[in-house]
Amino acid sequence: MAGDLAGQAALVTGGASGIGAAVVRRLAGRGAVVCVVDLDGSAARALASEVGGRAAAVDVTDLGALAAAIREAATALGRLDIVHLNAGVVGVQRGVSDLDVERYRLTVGVNLDHVVAGTCAAVEQLRRAGGGGTIVATASLAGLIEMPLDPIYTATKHAVVGYVRSAGVTLAAEGIRLCALCPGYADTPLIARMRDSFGEFPLLTAEAVADGFEAMLAGAEPGEAWFVQPGRPAQPYRFRGVPGPATGQPPPDLAAG
């Protein structure tokens, strides 16, 4: 597959380390020119230099700065074809009575607000390039199942999955594919402080998650949430037994109101 993305331009948030860095290298290895967006500007520039791309130092909770970075990348690269909204933080709420409001706002800002604002900004640039393209938001397995150890993180990732499933239907009509990548626990800097607590629990590598990302580029449908777990191929999560059509249109009683 080397070279099959030649002529395409990509942008990855949280792209200087962990899953983001693995995806940046994978995209560049397939011929894409990649803009590495990260809070750590030095690390972003180092990786961009390695892969022959561009770098932008951005706090993704600054939604104006995020939109500007996406706009500037599209201008500098001539277009955007692939956008991976990957930046994320853990919530670290271990109960239901110990809310750290500052950390809560940060978690929502990075994990959810950046995905919503980043999608809107990316869609604008994909439209200007003639339509089409792919946006992948990194959610988590915690966006599909419960994770009692961190309910705030889990809430934001469920919200990302819901947003992608809903907005993905609308954007599909324009040929824009919006999907969610939902990896299980991965051995990345995100869990560095709690790494020892996992013991022998099987962790994904960043490369394994990048494999899942590539599988999504090849075969994901709009609005799908693909899970990645150790020892099995990445695949879309099937939401079964939920009543109601996924047509993108409101039910008649709501439309009438």
Protein backbone atom coordinates (compact mmCIF):
# COMPACT_ATOMS: atom_id res chain seq x y z
CA MET A 1 0.00 0.00 0.00
CA ALA A 2 3.04 2.28 0.05
CA GLY A 3 2.40 5.36 -2.01
CA ASP A 4 -1.34 4.84 -2.38
CA LEU A 5 -2.05 8.13 -0.56
CA ALA A 6 0.36 10.12 -2.71
CA GLY A 7 -1.04 13.57 -3.45
CA GLN A 8 -3.30 13.50 -0.39
CA ALA A 9 -3.00 15.78 2.62
CA ALA A 10 -3.76 14.82 6.22
CA LEU A 11 -3.90 16.41 9.65
CA VAL A 12 -3.61 14.62 13.01
CA THR A 13 -4.31 16.24 16.39
CA GLY A 14 -2.45 14.86 19.36
CA GLY A 15 -0.10 13.77 16.62
CA ALA A 16 3.29 14.04 18.33
CA SER A 17 3.11 10.91 20.50
CA GLY A 18 1.28 7.66 21.12
CA ILE A 19 -1.51 6.71 18.74
CA GLY A 20 -1.33 10.03 16.91
CA ALA A 21 2.37 9.64 16.12
CA ALA A 22 1.83 6.06 14.91
CA VAL A 23 -0.94 7.27 12.59
CA VAL A 24 1.20 10.18 11.33
CA ARG A 25 4.02 7.78 10.40
CA ARG A 26 1.58 5.36 8.79
CA LEU A 27 -0.03 8.08 6.65
CA ALA A 28 3.33 9.53 5.65
CA GLY A 29 4.60 6.04 4.81
CA ARG A 30 1.73 5.68 2.38
CA GLY A 31 2.58 8.93 0.63
CA ALA A 32 0.40 11.54 2.34
CA VAL A 33 1.77 14.89 3.49
CA VAL A 34 0.79 15.26 7.14
CA CYS A 35 0.33 18.24 9.43
CA VAL A 36 1.16 17.23 13.01
CA VAL A 37 -0.91 19.20 15.52
CA ASP A 38 0.01 18.94 19.19
CA LEU A 39 0.20 20.94 22.40
CA ASP A 40 3.90 20.06 22.49
CA GLY A 41 5.21 22.16 19.63
CA SER A 42 8.78 20.86 19.85
CA ALA A 43 7.66 17.23 19.58
CA ALA A 44 5.29 18.12 16.73
CA ARG A 45 8.08 19.84 14.81
CA ALA A 46 10.46 16.93 15.37
CA LEU A 47 7.99 14.39 14.01
CA ALA A 48 6.98 16.65 11.12
CA SER A 49 10.66 16.96 10.18
CA GLU A 50 11.02 13.18 10.33
CA VAL A 51 8.11 12.53 7.96
CA GLY A 52 8.48 15.57 5.72
CA GLY A 53 5.31 17.24 6.92
CA ARG A 54 4.22 20.36 8.75
CA ALA A 55 3.69 21.11 12.43
CA ALA A 56 1.39 23.31 14.48
CA ALA A 57 1.55 23.92 18.23
CA VAL A 58 -2.10 24.12 19.30
CA ASP A 59 -4.08 23.78 22.51
CA VAL A 60 -7.13 22.00 21.09
CA THR A 61 -9.35 23.39 23.86
CA ASP A 62 -8.84 26.78 22.20
CA LEU A 63 -11.44 26.17 19.53
CA GLY A 64 -10.56 29.26 17.55
CA ALA A 65 -6.90 28.24 17.42
CA LEU A 66 -7.89 24.73 16.42
CA ALA A 67 -10.06 25.95 13.55
CA ALA A 68 -7.28 28.30 12.44
CA ALA A 69 -4.73 25.47 12.45
CA ILE A 70 -6.99 23.31 10.28
CA ARG A 71 -7.62 26.21 7.92
CA GLU A 72 -3.92 27.08 7.70
CA ALA A 73 -2.93 23.46 7.09
CA ALA A 74 -5.42 23.20 4.22
CA THR A 75 -4.04 26.40 2.72
CA ALA A 76 -0.40 25.35 3.10
CA LEU A 77 -0.95 21.82 1.80
CA GLY A 78 -3.37 22.87 -0.92
CA ARG A 79 -6.20 20.71 0.43
CA LEU A 80 -7.17 18.28 3.20
CA ASP A 81 -8.30 14.72 2.51
CA ILE A 82 -7.91 12.99 5.88
CA VAL A 83 -8.35 14.51 9.34
CA HIS A 84 -7.73 12.47 12.49
CA LEU A 85 -9.08 14.20 15.61
CA ASN A 86 -7.07 12.16 18.06
CA ALA A 87 -6.09 14.40 20.99
CA GLY A 88 -7.39 13.14 24.33
CA VAL A 89 -6.90 13.17 28.09
CA VAL A 90 -8.08 10.98 30.94
CA GLY A 91 -10.64 12.37 33.36
CA VAL A 92 -9.36 10.83 36.59
CA GLN A 93 -12.61 10.87 38.49
CA ARG A 94 -12.69 7.78 40.68
CA GLY A 95 -16.05 8.31 42.30
CA VAL A 96 -19.21 10.33 42.02
CA SER A 97 -18.56 12.84 44.79
CA ASP A 98 -15.00 14.02 44.09
CA LEU A 99 -15.57 16.24 41.05
CA ASP A 100 -12.57 18.36 40.14
CA VAL A 101 -14.31 21.05 38.10
CA GLU A 102 -11.13 22.28 36.43
CA ARG A 103 -10.17 18.76 35.34
CA TYR A 104 -13.75 18.09 34.26
CA ARG A 105 -13.74 21.15 31.98
CA LEU A 106 -10.37 20.14 30.54
CA THR A 107 -11.55 16.59 29.86
CA VAL A 108 -14.71 17.74 28.12
CA GLY A 109 -12.77 20.40 26.21
CA VAL A 110 -10.15 18.01 24.83
CA ASN A 111 -12.19 14.86 24.38
CA LEU A 112 -15.47 16.28 23.11
CA ASP A 113 -15.35 19.99 22.26
CA HIS A 114 -12.24 19.52 20.12
CA VAL A 115 -13.93 16.73 18.16
CA VAL A 116 -17.07 18.75 17.48
CA ALA A 117 -15.24 21.98 16.58
CA GLY A 118 -12.55 20.10 14.71
CA THR A 119 -15.13 18.26 12.64
CA CYS A 120 -16.89 21.52 11.74
CA ALA A 121 -13.60 23.14 10.72
CA ALA A 122 -12.48 20.06 8.79
CA VAL A 123 -15.79 19.80 6.92
CA GLU A 124 -15.43 23.40 5.78
CA GLN A 125 -12.04 22.62 4.25
CA LEU A 126 -13.17 19.33 2.70
CA ARG A 127 -16.04 21.18 1.04
CA ARG A 128 -13.67 23.79 -0.34
CA ALA A 129 -11.53 21.01 -1.80
CA GLY A 130 -14.52 19.73 -3.74
CA GLY A 131 -16.16 17.43 -1.23
CA GLY A 132 -15.32 13.94 -0.09
CA GLY A 133 -12.65 12.96 2.40
CA THR A 134 -12.46 11.18 5.73
CA ILE A 135 -12.62 12.42 9.32
CA VAL A 136 -11.79 9.95 12.10
CA ALA A 137 -12.36 10.85 15.74
CA THR A 138 -10.54 8.83 18.37
CA ALA A 139 -13.14 7.74 20.89
CA SER A 140 -12.41 4.67 22.99
CA LEU A 141 -13.79 1.29 23.93
CA ALA A 142 -15.08 3.38 26.85
CA GLY A 143 -17.37 5.02 24.31
CA LEU A 144 -19.12 1.69 23.76
CA ILE A 145 -19.10 0.08 27.21
CA GLU A 146 -18.92 1.22 30.83
CA MET A 147 -15.58 2.10 32.47
CA PRO A 148 -16.28 2.59 36.19
CA LEU A 149 -12.72 3.69 36.96
CA ASP A 150 -13.24 6.97 35.10
CA PRO A 151 -16.87 7.94 34.50
CA ILE A 152 -16.07 11.44 33.20
CA TYR A 153 -13.73 10.10 30.53
CA THR A 154 -16.35 7.47 29.69
CA ALA A 155 -19.05 10.14 29.37
CA THR A 156 -17.00 12.16 26.89
CA LYS A 157 -16.18 9.12 24.78
CA HIS A 158 -19.83 8.02 24.68
CA ALA A 159 -20.62 11.54 23.52
CA VAL A 160 -18.04 11.31 20.72
CA VAL A 161 -19.55 8.04 19.50
CA GLY A 162 -23.05 9.54 19.56
CA TYR A 163 -21.89 12.63 17.70
CA VAL A 164 -20.12 10.60 15.03
CA ARG A 165 -23.07 8.26 14.51
CA SER A 166 -25.43 11.21 14.13
CA ALA A 167 -23.31 13.67 12.15
CA GLY A 168 -21.90 10.84 10.05
CA VAL A 169 -25.32 10.20 8.52
CA THR A 170 -25.70 13.85 7.51
CA LEU A 171 -22.18 14.19 6.09
CA ALA A 172 -22.43 10.97 4.08
CA ALA A 173 -24.78 12.75 1.67
CA GLU A 174 -21.83 14.99 0.74
CA GLY A 175 -19.41 12.12 0.32
CA ILE A 176 -17.68 13.01 3.58
CA ARG A 177 -17.02 10.00 5.81
CA LEU A 178 -17.02 10.61 9.58
CA CYS A 179 -16.15 7.62 11.79
CA ALA A 180 -14.98 6.84 15.33
CA LEU A 181 -11.94 4.79 16.29
CA CYS A 182 -12.54 3.00 19.61
CA PRO A 183 -9.39 1.31 20.93
CA GLY A 184 -9.19 -0.52 24.23
CA TYR A 185 -6.42 0.28 26.70
CA ALA A 186 -3.28 1.17 24.78
CA ASP A 187 0.26 1.49 26.09
CA THR A 188 0.70 5.20 25.36
CA PRO A 189 1.66 8.30 27.37
CA LEU A 190 -2.04 8.74 28.21
CA ILE A 191 -1.81 5.93 30.78
CA ALA A 192 1.83 6.45 31.78
CA ARG A 193 1.05 7.37 35.38
CA MET A 194 -1.08 4.27 35.89
CA ARG A 195 0.88 1.87 33.69
CA ASP A 196 2.08 -0.32 36.59
CA SER A 197 -1.47 -0.89 37.82
CA PHE A 198 -2.31 -2.87 34.67
CA GLY A 199 0.06 -5.69 35.60
CA GLU A 200 -0.29 -8.50 33.03
CA PHE A 201 -3.44 -7.04 31.52
CA PRO A 202 -3.03 -7.10 27.70
CA LEU A 203 -2.51 -3.62 26.30
CA LEU A 204 -2.67 -2.52 22.70
CA THR A 205 0.39 -0.98 21.10
CA ALA A 206 0.06 2.32 19.27
CA GLU A 207 0.97 0.43 16.10
CA ALA A 208 -1.95 -1.96 16.59
CA VAL A 209 -4.32 1.00 16.86
CA ALA A 210 -2.75 2.49 13.72
CA ASP A 211 -3.53 -0.85 12.03
CA GLY A 212 -7.16 -0.29 13.01
CA PHE A 213 -7.04 3.23 11.63
CA GLU A 214 -5.76 1.91 8.31
CA ALA A 215 -8.48 -0.74 8.24
CA MET A 216 -11.04 2.03 8.71
CA LEU A 217 -9.58 4.04 5.84
CA ALA A 218 -10.01 0.98 3.67
CA GLY A 219 -13.46 -0.16 4.69
CA ALA A 220 -15.36 1.94 7.24
CA GLU A 221 -18.84 3.21 6.44
CA PRO A 222 -20.00 6.71 7.47
CA GLY A 223 -21.00 6.96 11.11
CA GLU A 224 -19.42 3.66 12.15
CA ALA A 225 -17.53 3.14 15.41
CA TRP A 226 -14.74 0.59 15.03
CA PHE A 227 -13.31 -1.10 18.10
CA VAL A 228 -9.73 -2.31 18.41
CA GLN A 229 -8.86 -5.00 20.93
CA PRO A 230 -5.73 -7.14 21.39
CA GLY A 231 -5.69 -10.36 19.39
CA ARG A 232 -8.54 -9.60 17.03
CA PRO A 233 -8.97 -7.55 13.86
CA ALA A 234 -10.50 -4.10 14.08
CA GLN A 235 -14.16 -4.12 13.12
CA PRO A 236 -17.31 -1.99 13.38
CA TYR A 237 -19.36 -2.24 16.55
CA ARG A 238 -22.87 -3.40 15.77
CA PHE A 239 -25.57 -1.52 17.69
CA ARG A 240 -28.30 -4.12 17.79
CA GLY A 241 -31.80 -4.07 19.20
CA VAL A 242 -32.20 -0.29 19.18
CA PRO A 243 -35.61 0.68 17.73
CA GLY A 244 -36.01 3.35 15.09
CA PRO A 245 -34.60 3.91 11.61
CA ALA A 246 -31.15 5.44 11.10
CA THR A 247 -32.31 7.66 8.28
CA GLY A 248 -30.96 10.98 9.42
CA GLN A 249 -34.52 12.37 9.41
CA PRO A 250 -36.57 13.07 12.55
CA PRO A 251 -39.59 10.87 13.28
CA PRO A 252 -42.83 12.28 11.81
CA ASP A 253 -44.16 13.42 15.19
CA LEU A 254 -41.00 15.44 15.88
CA ALA A 255 -40.82 16.82 12.35
CA ALA A 256 -44.38 18.05 12.66
CA GLY A 257 -43.60 19.85 15.91
